[in-house]
């Protein structure tokens, strides 16, 4: 019998392959103008992962109604949160990539970390093409959606695979699906709440508001609502909250069909009428964006106050928090 010794040369070659980490978030219009918003919404809302409707029918609705009415209103909302650095989501995503690359370098991992978006720019397919043109052979893709959904995580993976289909020599790819119950993620969320309490005091209620999805999507097997509720339960447990001190809700519904309930705006209205002071955390968002800075921090606050509420505060997303960056390093580290 012939002994076969391990080929350490092959192992070394694998370890020295030029590697990049691709941080992915949803996306943003290039500018806060109706024209740019229209182009962004046309791309986003044309994705079959986002809108599960016969394409011909949905395109009629989209072109004749949605894209003729929503862009102006949505552009106004974007203008209210736009900064000198541009879109908050994209500015934060770029900073997250820079900080993660530095964190990994301190751990002895010499890799590039680049931001990418599923829709808009920097478009994930172009990012992957540029990386491969620069000689990167291995790519670790981390969608910054803690809770998996076909509408978000799978949509990002679709774009990656679309690039691979057009690539003669496809790169080695590693996907991270979700991290909704990762202990470091839960601790980062709980610590952010504790820090907010230390600076601002504690409200009667902590509302954990997640971006919603249509209920039929969940009924067909999307695990998103189960993962959201598990995240919330773990955070509440980490904070030692009683059952009457916190709740889960779902925001940002669109269209006429039923979405996941309870709805954030309706629950806040009830709490406002009841006189409960409220603080809102949105664990599904890894970076503050239109849905947090405008919808949660302003629109839902105003609705809550109009219902009779007295004290409302939004707790910022994890953004560039050190523990958040450490979490990202942990998630991608096993592939580096």
C-alpha atoms as a PDB file:
ATOM      1  CA  UNK A   1       0.000   0.000   0.000  1.00  0.00           C
ATOM      2  CA  UNK A   2       1.296   3.427  -0.890  1.00  0.00           C
ATOM      3  CA  UNK A   3       1.155   6.168   1.731  1.00  0.00           C
ATOM      4  CA  UNK A   4      -0.242   9.499   0.560  1.00  0.00           C
ATOM      5  CA  UNK A   5       1.161  12.449   2.489  1.00  0.00           C
ATOM      6  CA  UNK A   6      -0.887  15.668   2.562  1.00  0.00           C
ATOM      7  CA  UNK A   7       0.089  18.118  -0.136  1.00  0.00           C
ATOM      8  CA  UNK A   8       1.067  21.184   1.875  1.00  0.00           C
ATOM      9  CA  UNK A   9       1.906  23.071  -1.303  1.00  0.00           C
ATOM     10  CA  UNK A  10      -1.735  22.904  -2.386  1.00  0.00           C
ATOM     11  CA  UNK A  11      -2.862  24.043   1.060  1.00  0.00           C
ATOM     12  CA  UNK A  12      -0.505  27.000   0.969  1.00  0.00           C
ATOM     13  CA  UNK A  13      -1.814  27.978  -2.444  1.00  0.00           C
ATOM     14  CA  UNK A  14      -5.378  28.004  -1.121  1.00  0.00           C
ATOM     15  CA  UNK A  15      -4.391  30.136   1.854  1.00  0.00           C
ATOM     16  CA  UNK A  16      -2.579  32.635  -0.341  1.00  0.00           C
ATOM     17  CA  UNK A  17      -5.339  33.106  -2.894  1.00  0.00           C
ATOM     18  CA  UNK A  18      -6.169  36.774  -3.207  1.00  0.00           C
ATOM     19  CA  UNK A  19      -9.332  37.190  -1.133  1.00  0.00           C
ATOM     20  CA  UNK A  20     -11.957  39.903  -0.778  1.00  0.00           C
ATOM     21  CA  UNK A  21     -14.886  40.376   1.580  1.00  0.00           C
ATOM     22  CA  UNK A  22     -17.950  41.950  -0.023  1.00  0.00           C
ATOM     23  CA  UNK A  23     -20.271  43.761   2.393  1.00  0.00           C
ATOM     24  CA  UNK A  24     -23.723  44.034   0.849  1.00  0.00           C
ATOM     25  CA  UNK A  25     -26.658  46.238   1.741  1.00  0.00           C
ATOM     26  CA  UNK A  26     -29.865  46.972  -0.129  1.00  0.00           C
ATOM     27  CA  UNK A  27     -28.970  50.175  -1.947  1.00  0.00           C
ATOM     28  CA  UNK A  28     -29.906  53.785  -2.430  1.00  0.00           C
ATOM     29  CA  UNK A  29     -30.632  56.265  -5.215  1.00  0.00           C
ATOM     30  CA  UNK A  30     -27.587  58.156  -6.472  1.00  0.00           C
ATOM     31  CA  UNK A  31     -29.134  61.494  -5.521  1.00  0.00           C
ATOM     32  CA  UNK A  32     -32.265  62.548  -3.610  1.00  0.00           C
ATOM     33  CA  UNK A  33     -34.081  63.646  -6.764  1.00  0.00           C
ATOM     34  CA  UNK A  34     -37.300  62.289  -8.305  1.00  0.00           C
ATOM     35  CA  UNK A  35     -35.426  61.106 -11.410  1.00  0.00           C
ATOM     36  CA  UNK A  36     -32.793  59.203  -9.432  1.00  0.00           C
ATOM     37  CA  UNK A  37     -35.404  57.770  -7.070  1.00  0.00           C
ATOM     38  CA  UNK A  38     -37.513  56.670 -10.030  1.00  0.00           C
ATOM     39  CA  UNK A  39     -34.559  54.798 -11.546  1.00  0.00           C
ATOM     40  CA  UNK A  40     -33.746  53.178  -8.212  1.00  0.00           C
ATOM     41  CA  UNK A  41     -37.333  52.126  -7.504  1.00  0.00           C
ATOM     42  CA  UNK A  42     -37.709  50.756 -11.036  1.00  0.00           C
ATOM     43  CA  UNK A  43     -34.750  48.428 -10.459  1.00  0.00           C
ATOM     44  CA  UNK A  44     -35.673  47.499  -6.891  1.00  0.00           C
ATOM     45  CA  UNK A  45     -39.375  46.901  -7.488  1.00  0.00           C
ATOM     46  CA  UNK A  46     -38.760  44.936 -10.694  1.00  0.00           C
ATOM     47  CA  UNK A  47     -36.991  42.186  -8.739  1.00  0.00           C
ATOM     48  CA  UNK A  48     -39.153  39.057  -8.653  1.00  0.00           C
ATOM     49  CA  UNK A  49     -37.839  38.359  -5.143  1.00  0.00           C
ATOM     50  CA  UNK A  50     -39.378  41.607  -3.936  1.00  0.00           C
ATOM     51  CA  UNK A  51     -42.680  41.538  -5.816  1.00  0.00           C
ATOM     52  CA  UNK A  52     -44.122  38.062  -6.380  1.00  0.00           C
ATOM     53  CA  UNK A  53     -46.644  38.819  -9.083  1.00  0.00           C
ATOM     54  CA  UNK A  54     -46.872  37.923 -12.783  1.00  0.00           C
ATOM     55  CA  UNK A  55     -44.265  40.130 -14.422  1.00  0.00           C
ATOM     56  CA  UNK A  56     -46.521  41.501 -17.150  1.00  0.00           C
ATOM     57  CA  UNK A  57     -49.185  42.543 -14.663  1.00  0.00           C
ATOM     58  CA  UNK A  58     -46.788  44.049 -12.158  1.00  0.00           C
ATOM     59  CA  UNK A  59     -44.909  46.030 -14.811  1.00  0.00           C
ATOM     60  CA  UNK A  60     -48.181  47.668 -15.877  1.00  0.00           C
ATOM     61  CA  UNK A  61     -48.927  48.650 -12.275  1.00  0.00           C
ATOM     62  CA  UNK A  62     -45.343  49.722 -11.661  1.00  0.00           C
ATOM     63  CA  UNK A  63     -44.987  51.880 -14.781  1.00  0.00           C
ATOM     64  CA  UNK A  64     -48.465  53.410 -14.835  1.00  0.00           C
ATOM     65  CA  UNK A  65     -49.031  54.014 -11.137  1.00  0.00           C
ATOM     66  CA  UNK A  66     -46.101  53.439  -8.757  1.00  0.00           C
ATOM     67  CA  UNK A  67     -43.365  55.175 -10.747  1.00  0.00           C
ATOM     68  CA  UNK A  68     -45.615  58.111 -11.599  1.00  0.00           C
ATOM     69  CA  UNK A  69     -46.596  58.869  -7.998  1.00  0.00           C
ATOM     70  CA  UNK A  70     -43.997  57.628  -5.504  1.00  0.00           C
ATOM     71  CA  UNK A  71     -40.667  59.096  -6.720  1.00  0.00           C
ATOM     72  CA  UNK A  72     -41.481  62.715  -5.822  1.00  0.00           C
ATOM     73  CA  UNK A  73     -42.676  61.823  -2.324  1.00  0.00           C
ATOM     74  CA  UNK A  74     -39.824  59.392  -1.678  1.00  0.00           C
ATOM     75  CA  UNK A  75     -37.272  61.908  -2.999  1.00  0.00           C
ATOM     76  CA  UNK A  76     -38.564  64.454  -0.488  1.00  0.00           C
ATOM     77  CA  UNK A  77     -38.058  61.892   2.285  1.00  0.00           C
ATOM     78  CA  UNK A  78     -34.512  61.168   1.092  1.00  0.00           C
ATOM     79  CA  UNK A  79     -33.740  64.892   1.033  1.00  0.00           C
ATOM     80  CA  UNK A  80     -34.628  65.070   4.722  1.00  0.00           C
ATOM     81  CA  UNK A  81     -31.952  62.497   5.665  1.00  0.00           C
ATOM     82  CA  UNK A  82     -29.288  63.177   2.984  1.00  0.00           C
ATOM     83  CA  UNK A  83     -25.944  64.384   4.349  1.00  0.00           C
ATOM     84  CA  UNK A  84     -22.787  65.988   2.967  1.00  0.00           C
ATOM     85  CA  UNK A  85     -21.473  62.424   2.603  1.00  0.00           C
ATOM     86  CA  UNK A  86     -24.539  61.480   0.566  1.00  0.00           C
ATOM     87  CA  UNK A  87     -26.923  58.672   1.381  1.00  0.00           C
ATOM     88  CA  UNK A  88     -26.595  57.691   5.073  1.00  0.00           C
ATOM     89  CA  UNK A  89     -26.846  53.987   4.254  1.00  0.00           C
ATOM     90  CA  UNK A  90     -24.067  54.114   1.666  1.00  0.00           C
ATOM     91  CA  UNK A  91     -21.830  56.393   3.730  1.00  0.00           C
ATOM     92  CA  UNK A  92     -22.136  54.036   6.701  1.00  0.00           C
ATOM     93  CA  UNK A  93     -21.603  50.957   4.507  1.00  0.00           C
ATOM     94  CA  UNK A  94     -18.360  52.419   3.158  1.00  0.00           C
ATOM     95  CA  UNK A  95     -17.156  53.220   6.676  1.00  0.00           C
ATOM     96  CA  UNK A  96     -18.084  49.728   7.862  1.00  0.00           C
ATOM     97  CA  UNK A  97     -15.969  48.256   5.057  1.00  0.00           C
ATOM     98  CA  UNK A  98     -12.991  50.440   5.980  1.00  0.00           C
ATOM     99  CA  UNK A  99     -13.240  49.556   9.670  1.00  0.00           C
ATOM    100  CA  UNK A 100     -13.691  45.847   8.992  1.00  0.00           C
ATOM    101  CA  UNK A 101     -10.624  45.752   6.753  1.00  0.00           C
ATOM    102  CA  UNK A 102      -8.590  47.421   9.509  1.00  0.00           C
ATOM    103  CA  UNK A 103      -9.974  45.002  12.104  1.00  0.00           C
ATOM    104  CA  UNK A 104      -9.089  41.991   9.969  1.00  0.00           C
ATOM    105  CA  UNK A 105      -5.609  43.389   9.305  1.00  0.00           C
ATOM    106  CA  UNK A 106      -5.029  43.546  13.070  1.00  0.00           C
ATOM    107  CA  UNK A 107      -5.948  39.854  13.169  1.00  0.00           C
ATOM    108  CA  UNK A 108      -3.351  39.111  10.494  1.00  0.00           C
ATOM    109  CA  UNK A 109      -5.893  38.733   7.679  1.00  0.00           C
ATOM    110  CA  UNK A 110      -4.688  40.563   4.575  1.00  0.00           C
ATOM    111  CA  UNK A 111      -7.917  40.921   2.610  1.00  0.00           C
ATOM    112  CA  UNK A 112      -9.761  43.671   0.799  1.00  0.00           C
ATOM    113  CA  UNK A 113     -13.178  44.641   2.154  1.00  0.00           C
ATOM    114  CA  UNK A 114     -15.440  46.402  -0.312  1.00  0.00           C
ATOM    115  CA  UNK A 115     -18.993  47.775  -0.115  1.00  0.00           C
ATOM    116  CA  UNK A 116     -21.663  46.726  -2.601  1.00  0.00           C
ATOM    117  CA  UNK A 117     -25.397  47.149  -3.045  1.00  0.00           C
ATOM    118  CA  UNK A 118     -28.050  44.877  -4.506  1.00  0.00           C
ATOM    119  CA  UNK A 119     -29.677  47.839  -6.270  1.00  0.00           C
ATOM    120  CA  UNK A 120     -28.172  51.133  -7.369  1.00  0.00           C
ATOM    121  CA  UNK A 121     -24.461  51.811  -6.916  1.00  0.00           C
ATOM    122  CA  UNK A 122     -21.940  50.403  -6.160  1.00  0.00           C
ATOM    123  CA  UNK A 123     -23.720  47.591  -7.980  1.00  0.00           C
ATOM    124  CA  UNK A 124     -22.711  44.173  -6.696  1.00  0.00           C
ATOM    125  CA  UNK A 125     -22.165  42.671 -10.150  1.00  0.00           C
ATOM    126  CA  UNK A 126     -19.770  45.466 -11.121  1.00  0.00           C
ATOM    127  CA  UNK A 127     -17.984  45.201  -7.766  1.00  0.00           C
ATOM    128  CA  UNK A 128     -17.401  41.481  -8.330  1.00  0.00           C
ATOM    129  CA  UNK A 129     -16.223  42.079 -11.902  1.00  0.00           C
ATOM    130  CA  UNK A 130     -13.763  44.750 -10.738  1.00  0.00           C
ATOM    131  CA  UNK A 131     -12.425  42.471  -7.993  1.00  0.00           C
ATOM    132  CA  UNK A 132     -11.890  39.603 -10.396  1.00  0.00           C
ATOM    133  CA  UNK A 133     -10.192  41.938 -12.874  1.00  0.00           C
ATOM    134  CA  UNK A 134      -7.836  42.928 -10.051  1.00  0.00           C
ATOM    135  CA  UNK A 135      -6.885  39.298  -9.491  1.00  0.00           C
ATOM    136  CA  UNK A 136      -9.128  38.345  -6.579  1.00  0.00           C
ATOM    137  CA  UNK A 137      -9.902  34.623  -6.712  1.00  0.00           C
ATOM    138  CA  UNK A 138     -11.877  34.119  -3.480  1.00  0.00           C
ATOM    139  CA  UNK A 139     -14.819  36.252  -2.372  1.00  0.00           C
ATOM    140  CA  UNK A 140     -16.714  36.099   0.906  1.00  0.00           C
ATOM    141  CA  UNK A 141     -20.148  37.697   0.554  1.00  0.00           C
ATOM    142  CA  UNK A 142     -21.767  39.049   3.722  1.00  0.00           C
ATOM    143  CA  UNK A 143     -25.229  40.543   3.215  1.00  0.00           C
ATOM    144  CA  UNK A 144     -25.812  42.810   6.205  1.00  0.00           C
ATOM    145  CA  UNK A 145     -29.264  41.395   6.882  1.00  0.00           C
ATOM    146  CA  UNK A 146     -29.176  39.625  10.261  1.00  0.00           C
ATOM    147  CA  UNK A 147     -32.485  37.888   9.550  1.00  0.00           C
ATOM    148  CA  UNK A 148     -32.672  35.950   6.282  1.00  0.00           C
ATOM    149  CA  UNK A 149     -35.430  36.703   3.803  1.00  0.00           C
ATOM    150  CA  UNK A 150     -35.804  35.777   0.172  1.00  0.00           C
ATOM    151  CA  UNK A 151     -36.700  39.446  -0.410  1.00  0.00           C
ATOM    152  CA  UNK A 152     -33.319  40.704   0.796  1.00  0.00           C
ATOM    153  CA  UNK A 153     -30.603  38.095   1.377  1.00  0.00           C
ATOM    154  CA  UNK A 154     -31.598  35.813  -1.496  1.00  0.00           C
ATOM    155  CA  UNK A 155     -31.979  38.824  -3.785  1.00  0.00           C
ATOM    156  CA  UNK A 156     -28.346  39.727  -3.074  1.00  0.00           C
ATOM    157  CA  UNK A 157     -27.220  36.160  -3.712  1.00  0.00           C
ATOM    158  CA  UNK A 158     -29.173  36.178  -6.986  1.00  0.00           C
ATOM    159  CA  UNK A 159     -27.080  39.114  -8.192  1.00  0.00           C
ATOM    160  CA  UNK A 160     -23.885  37.279  -7.260  1.00  0.00           C
ATOM    161  CA  UNK A 161     -24.984  34.213  -9.205  1.00  0.00           C
ATOM    162  CA  UNK A 162     -26.035  36.343 -12.168  1.00  0.00           C
ATOM    163  CA  UNK A 163     -22.456  37.606 -12.275  1.00  0.00           C
ATOM    164  CA  UNK A 164     -21.128  34.051 -12.027  1.00  0.00           C
ATOM    165  CA  UNK A 165     -23.321  32.957 -14.936  1.00  0.00           C
ATOM    166  CA  UNK A 166     -21.642  35.570 -17.116  1.00  0.00           C
ATOM    167  CA  UNK A 167     -18.133  34.780 -15.872  1.00  0.00           C
ATOM    168  CA  UNK A 168     -15.980  32.384 -17.889  1.00  0.00           C
ATOM    169  CA  UNK A 169     -13.757  31.697 -14.857  1.00  0.00           C
ATOM    170  CA  UNK A 170     -16.040  32.183 -11.867  1.00  0.00           C
ATOM    171  CA  UNK A 171     -14.422  33.046  -8.519  1.00  0.00           C
ATOM    172  CA  UNK A 172     -14.525  30.865  -5.424  1.00  0.00           C
ATOM    173  CA  UNK A 173     -17.551  32.121  -3.501  1.00  0.00           C
ATOM    174  CA  UNK A 174     -18.602  31.851   0.135  1.00  0.00           C
ATOM    175  CA  UNK A 175     -22.008  33.080   1.286  1.00  0.00           C
ATOM    176  CA  UNK A 176     -23.138  33.977   4.796  1.00  0.00           C
ATOM    177  CA  UNK A 177     -26.882  33.434   5.031  1.00  0.00           C
ATOM    178  CA  UNK A 178     -27.877  35.049   8.349  1.00  0.00           C
ATOM    179  CA  UNK A 179     -26.770  35.734  11.908  1.00  0.00           C
ATOM    180  CA  UNK A 180     -30.056  36.436  13.670  1.00  0.00           C
ATOM    181  CA  UNK A 181     -29.147  34.491  16.818  1.00  0.00           C
ATOM    182  CA  UNK A 182     -25.390  35.031  16.878  1.00  0.00           C
ATOM    183  CA  UNK A 183     -24.448  35.740  20.536  1.00  0.00           C
ATOM    184  CA  UNK A 184     -22.186  38.650  19.588  1.00  0.00           C
ATOM    185  CA  UNK A 185     -24.966  40.218  17.511  1.00  0.00           C
ATOM    186  CA  UNK A 186     -27.418  39.876  20.391  1.00  0.00           C
ATOM    187  CA  UNK A 187     -24.890  41.361  22.811  1.00  0.00           C
ATOM    188  CA  UNK A 188     -24.181  44.274  20.459  1.00  0.00           C
ATOM    189  CA  UNK A 189     -27.895  45.089  20.252  1.00  0.00           C
ATOM    190  CA  UNK A 190     -28.398  44.784  24.003  1.00  0.00           C
ATOM    191  CA  UNK A 191     -25.341  46.930  24.702  1.00  0.00           C
ATOM    192  CA  UNK A 192     -26.639  49.626  22.346  1.00  0.00           C
ATOM    193  CA  UNK A 193     -29.896  49.715  24.307  1.00  0.00           C
ATOM    194  CA  UNK A 194     -28.075  49.850  27.644  1.00  0.00           C
ATOM    195  CA  UNK A 195     -25.923  52.740  26.427  1.00  0.00           C
ATOM    196  CA  UNK A 196     -29.031  54.574  25.251  1.00  0.00           C
ATOM    197  CA  UNK A 197     -30.689  54.008  28.626  1.00  0.00           C
ATOM    198  CA  UNK A 198     -27.602  55.299  30.420  1.00  0.00           C
ATOM    199  CA  UNK A 199     -27.755  58.555  28.448  1.00  0.00           C
ATOM    200  CA  UNK A 200     -31.509  59.029  28.106  1.00  0.00           C
ATOM    201  CA  UNK A 201     -33.255  57.016  30.776  1.00  0.00           C
ATOM    202  CA  UNK A 202     -35.560  54.067  30.240  1.00  0.00           C
ATOM    203  CA  UNK A 203     -39.046  54.146  28.707  1.00  0.00           C
ATOM    204  CA  UNK A 204     -42.076  52.081  29.666  1.00  0.00           C
ATOM    205  CA  UNK A 205     -41.855  50.086  26.441  1.00  0.00           C
ATOM    206  CA  UNK A 206     -39.098  48.886  24.119  1.00  0.00           C
ATOM    207  CA  UNK A 207     -40.455  48.269  20.625  1.00  0.00           C
ATOM    208  CA  UNK A 208     -38.331  46.124  18.314  1.00  0.00           C
ATOM    209  CA  UNK A 209     -39.504  47.117  14.848  1.00  0.00           C
ATOM    210  CA  UNK A 210     -38.420  45.004  11.875  1.00  0.00           C
ATOM    211  CA  UNK A 211     -38.900  45.712   8.188  1.00  0.00           C
ATOM    212  CA  UNK A 212     -41.997  43.816   7.112  1.00  0.00           C
ATOM    213  CA  UNK A 213     -42.660  41.423   4.260  1.00  0.00           C
ATOM    214  CA  UNK A 214     -46.009  40.376   2.762  1.00  0.00           C
ATOM    215  CA  UNK A 215     -47.675  37.700   4.884  1.00  0.00           C
ATOM    216  CA  UNK A 216     -48.093  35.303   1.916  1.00  0.00           C
ATOM    217  CA  UNK A 217     -44.291  35.182   1.571  1.00  0.00           C
ATOM    218  CA  UNK A 218     -44.001  33.931   5.148  1.00  0.00           C
ATOM    219  CA  UNK A 219     -46.892  31.524   4.615  1.00  0.00           C
ATOM    220  CA  UNK A 220     -44.931  29.989   1.724  1.00  0.00           C
ATOM    221  CA  UNK A 221     -41.936  29.320   3.955  1.00  0.00           C
ATOM    222  CA  UNK A 222     -39.832  32.463   4.260  1.00  0.00           C
ATOM    223  CA  UNK A 223     -38.214  32.103   7.728  1.00  0.00           C
ATOM    224  CA  UNK A 224     -37.889  35.850   8.232  1.00  0.00           C
ATOM    225  CA  UNK A 225     -40.647  36.409  10.846  1.00  0.00           C
ATOM    226  CA  UNK A 226     -39.483  33.434  12.914  1.00  0.00           C
ATOM    227  CA  UNK A 227     -35.922  34.755  12.915  1.00  0.00           C
ATOM    228  CA  UNK A 228     -37.078  38.289  13.765  1.00  0.00           C
ATOM    229  CA  UNK A 229     -39.042  37.094  16.761  1.00  0.00           C
ATOM    230  CA  UNK A 230     -36.142  34.936  17.927  1.00  0.00           C
ATOM    231  CA  UNK A 231     -33.773  37.906  17.722  1.00  0.00           C
ATOM    232  CA  UNK A 232     -36.187  40.057  19.717  1.00  0.00           C
ATOM    233  CA  UNK A 233     -36.715  37.390  22.362  1.00  0.00           C
ATOM    234  CA  UNK A 234     -32.967  36.935  22.798  1.00  0.00           C
ATOM    235  CA  UNK A 235     -32.392  40.689  23.098  1.00  0.00           C
ATOM    236  CA  UNK A 236     -35.222  41.016  25.622  1.00  0.00           C
ATOM    237  CA  UNK A 237     -33.724  38.147  27.596  1.00  0.00           C
ATOM    238  CA  UNK A 238     -30.271  39.730  27.513  1.00  0.00           C
ATOM    239  CA  UNK A 239     -31.800  42.950  28.857  1.00  0.00           C
ATOM    240  CA  UNK A 240     -33.879  41.157  31.481  1.00  0.00           C
ATOM    241  CA  UNK A 241     -37.146  42.628  30.198  1.00  0.00           C
ATOM    242  CA  UNK A 242     -40.512  41.371  31.361  1.00  0.00           C
ATOM    243  CA  UNK A 243     -43.136  40.294  28.843  1.00  0.00           C
ATOM    244  CA  UNK A 244     -45.088  43.555  29.191  1.00  0.00           C
ATOM    245  CA  UNK A 245     -42.003  45.741  28.671  1.00  0.00           C
ATOM    246  CA  UNK A 246     -41.272  44.922  25.038  1.00  0.00           C
ATOM    247  CA  UNK A 247     -42.923  43.922  21.774  1.00  0.00           C
ATOM    248  CA  UNK A 248     -42.163  43.045  18.156  1.00  0.00           C
ATOM    249  CA  UNK A 249     -43.691  44.888  15.203  1.00  0.00           C
ATOM    250  CA  UNK A 250     -43.207  45.217  11.454  1.00  0.00           C
ATOM    251  CA  UNK A 251     -42.898  48.416   9.424  1.00  0.00           C
ATOM    252  CA  UNK A 252     -42.641  49.744   5.859  1.00  0.00           C
ATOM    253  CA  UNK A 253     -45.581  47.897   4.342  1.00  0.00           C
ATOM    254  CA  UNK A 254     -46.279  48.619   0.694  1.00  0.00           C
ATOM    255  CA  UNK A 255     -49.375  47.962  -1.386  1.00  0.00           C
ATOM    256  CA  UNK A 256     -52.782  46.595  -0.454  1.00  0.00           C
ATOM    257  CA  UNK A 257     -52.015  43.018   0.626  1.00  0.00           C
ATOM    258  CA  UNK A 258     -51.589  41.943   4.227  1.00  0.00           C
ATOM    259  CA  UNK A 259     -48.080  42.146   5.651  1.00  0.00           C
ATOM    260  CA  UNK A 260     -46.584  40.727   8.828  1.00  0.00           C
ATOM    261  CA  UNK A 261     -48.335  41.997  11.943  1.00  0.00           C
ATOM    262  CA  UNK A 262     -48.548  43.797  14.248  1.00  0.00           C
ATOM    263  CA  UNK A 263     -47.868  46.909  12.200  1.00  0.00           C
ATOM    264  CA  UNK A 264     -45.435  49.336  13.821  1.00  0.00           C
ATOM    265  CA  UNK A 265     -47.523  52.452  13.195  1.00  0.00           C
ATOM    266  CA  UNK A 266     -50.698  50.882  14.585  1.00  0.00           C
ATOM    267  CA  UNK A 267     -49.021  49.542  17.726  1.00  0.00           C
ATOM    268  CA  UNK A 268     -47.374  52.901  18.381  1.00  0.00           C
ATOM    269  CA  UNK A 269     -50.763  54.572  18.014  1.00  0.00           C
ATOM    270  CA  UNK A 270     -52.195  52.237  20.647  1.00  0.00           C
ATOM    271  CA  UNK A 271     -49.297  52.900  23.005  1.00  0.00           C
ATOM    272  CA  UNK A 272     -49.603  56.637  22.438  1.00  0.00           C
ATOM    273  CA  UNK A 273     -53.290  56.560  23.394  1.00  0.00           C
ATOM    274  CA  UNK A 274     -52.437  54.496  26.473  1.00  0.00           C
ATOM    275  CA  UNK A 275     -49.813  57.039  27.564  1.00  0.00           C
ATOM    276  CA  UNK A 276     -46.837  54.661  27.448  1.00  0.00           C
ATOM    277  CA  UNK A 277     -43.397  56.172  26.904  1.00  0.00           C
ATOM    278  CA  UNK A 278     -41.641  54.371  24.051  1.00  0.00           C
ATOM    279  CA  UNK A 279     -38.152  53.662  22.754  1.00  0.00           C
ATOM    280  CA  UNK A 280     -37.769  51.973  19.370  1.00  0.00           C
ATOM    281  CA  UNK A 281     -34.966  49.667  18.252  1.00  0.00           C
ATOM    282  CA  UNK A 282     -34.776  48.253  14.719  1.00  0.00           C
ATOM    283  CA  UNK A 283     -32.556  45.146  14.841  1.00  0.00           C
ATOM    284  CA  UNK A 284     -33.008  44.290  11.154  1.00  0.00           C
ATOM    285  CA  UNK A 285     -31.126  47.384   9.973  1.00  0.00           C
ATOM    286  CA  UNK A 286     -27.328  47.200  10.146  1.00  0.00           C
ATOM    287  CA  UNK A 287     -27.073  50.857   9.107  1.00  0.00           C
ATOM    288  CA  UNK A 288     -29.355  53.816   9.602  1.00  0.00           C
ATOM    289  CA  UNK A 289     -31.241  54.655   6.436  1.00  0.00           C
ATOM    290  CA  UNK A 290     -34.483  56.139   5.164  1.00  0.00           C
ATOM    291  CA  UNK A 291     -36.593  53.548   6.999  1.00  0.00           C
ATOM    292  CA  UNK A 292     -35.015  54.371  10.352  1.00  0.00           C
ATOM    293  CA  UNK A 293     -34.049  58.047  10.117  1.00  0.00           C
ATOM    294  CA  UNK A 294     -37.269  59.209   8.479  1.00  0.00           C
ATOM    295  CA  UNK A 295     -39.917  56.512   8.942  1.00  0.00           C
ATOM    296  CA  UNK A 296     -39.113  55.490  12.518  1.00  0.00           C
ATOM    297  CA  UNK A 297     -37.417  58.573  13.951  1.00  0.00           C
ATOM    298  CA  UNK A 298     -39.777  61.159  12.419  1.00  0.00           C
ATOM    299  CA  UNK A 299     -42.942  59.808  10.776  1.00  0.00           C
ATOM    300  CA  UNK A 300     -43.819  57.217  13.421  1.00  0.00           C
ATOM    301  CA  UNK A 301     -42.824  59.592  16.206  1.00  0.00           C
ATOM    302  CA  UNK A 302     -45.233  62.203  14.858  1.00  0.00           C
ATOM    303  CA  UNK A 303     -48.037  59.643  14.582  1.00  0.00           C
ATOM    304  CA  UNK A 304     -47.368  58.447  18.128  1.00  0.00           C
ATOM    305  CA  UNK A 305     -47.447  61.998  19.489  1.00  0.00           C
ATOM    306  CA  UNK A 306     -50.623  62.768  17.528  1.00  0.00           C
ATOM    307  CA  UNK A 307     -52.261  59.770  19.206  1.00  0.00           C
ATOM    308  CA  UNK A 308     -51.528  61.293  22.616  1.00  0.00           C
ATOM    309  CA  UNK A 309     -48.083  59.875  23.366  1.00  0.00           C
ATOM    310  CA  UNK A 310     -45.684  61.937  25.457  1.00  0.00           C
ATOM    311  CA  UNK A 311     -42.199  60.439  25.132  1.00  0.00           C
ATOM    312  CA  UNK A 312     -40.721  58.738  22.058  1.00  0.00           C
ATOM    313  CA  UNK A 313     -37.140  58.004  21.041  1.00  0.00           C
ATOM    314  CA  UNK A 314     -35.417  56.026  18.302  1.00  0.00           C
ATOM    315  CA  UNK A 315     -32.310  54.026  19.286  1.00  0.00           C
ATOM    316  CA  UNK A 316     -29.741  54.220  16.441  1.00  0.00           C
ATOM    317  CA  UNK A 317     -28.726  51.160  14.429  1.00  0.00           C
ATOM    318  CA  UNK A 318     -25.430  49.431  15.212  1.00  0.00           C
ATOM    319  CA  UNK A 319     -23.772  51.268  12.296  1.00  0.00           C
ATOM    320  CA  UNK A 320     -20.006  51.489  12.990  1.00  0.00           C
ATOM    321  CA  UNK A 321     -20.160  50.404  16.630  1.00  0.00           C
ATOM    322  CA  UNK A 322     -16.966  48.544  17.579  1.00  0.00           C
ATOM    323  CA  UNK A 323     -18.838  45.406  18.632  1.00  0.00           C
ATOM    324  CA  UNK A 324     -20.707  45.441  15.314  1.00  0.00           C
ATOM    325  CA  UNK A 325     -17.427  45.493  13.392  1.00  0.00           C
ATOM    326  CA  UNK A 326     -16.107  42.718  15.638  1.00  0.00           C
ATOM    327  CA  UNK A 327     -19.218  40.702  14.785  1.00  0.00           C
ATOM    328  CA  UNK A 328     -18.579  41.117  11.059  1.00  0.00           C
ATOM    329  CA  UNK A 329     -14.972  39.998  11.546  1.00  0.00           C
ATOM    330  CA  UNK A 330     -16.199  36.911  13.375  1.00  0.00           C
ATOM    331  CA  UNK A 331     -18.730  36.094  10.654  1.00  0.00           C
ATOM    332  CA  UNK A 332     -16.252  36.270   7.777  1.00  0.00           C
ATOM    333  CA  UNK A 333     -13.230  35.033   9.734  1.00  0.00           C
ATOM    334  CA  UNK A 334     -13.985  31.334   9.286  1.00  0.00           C
ATOM    335  CA  UNK A 335     -13.656  31.764   5.516  1.00  0.00           C
ATOM    336  CA  UNK A 336     -10.342  33.628   5.585  1.00  0.00           C
END
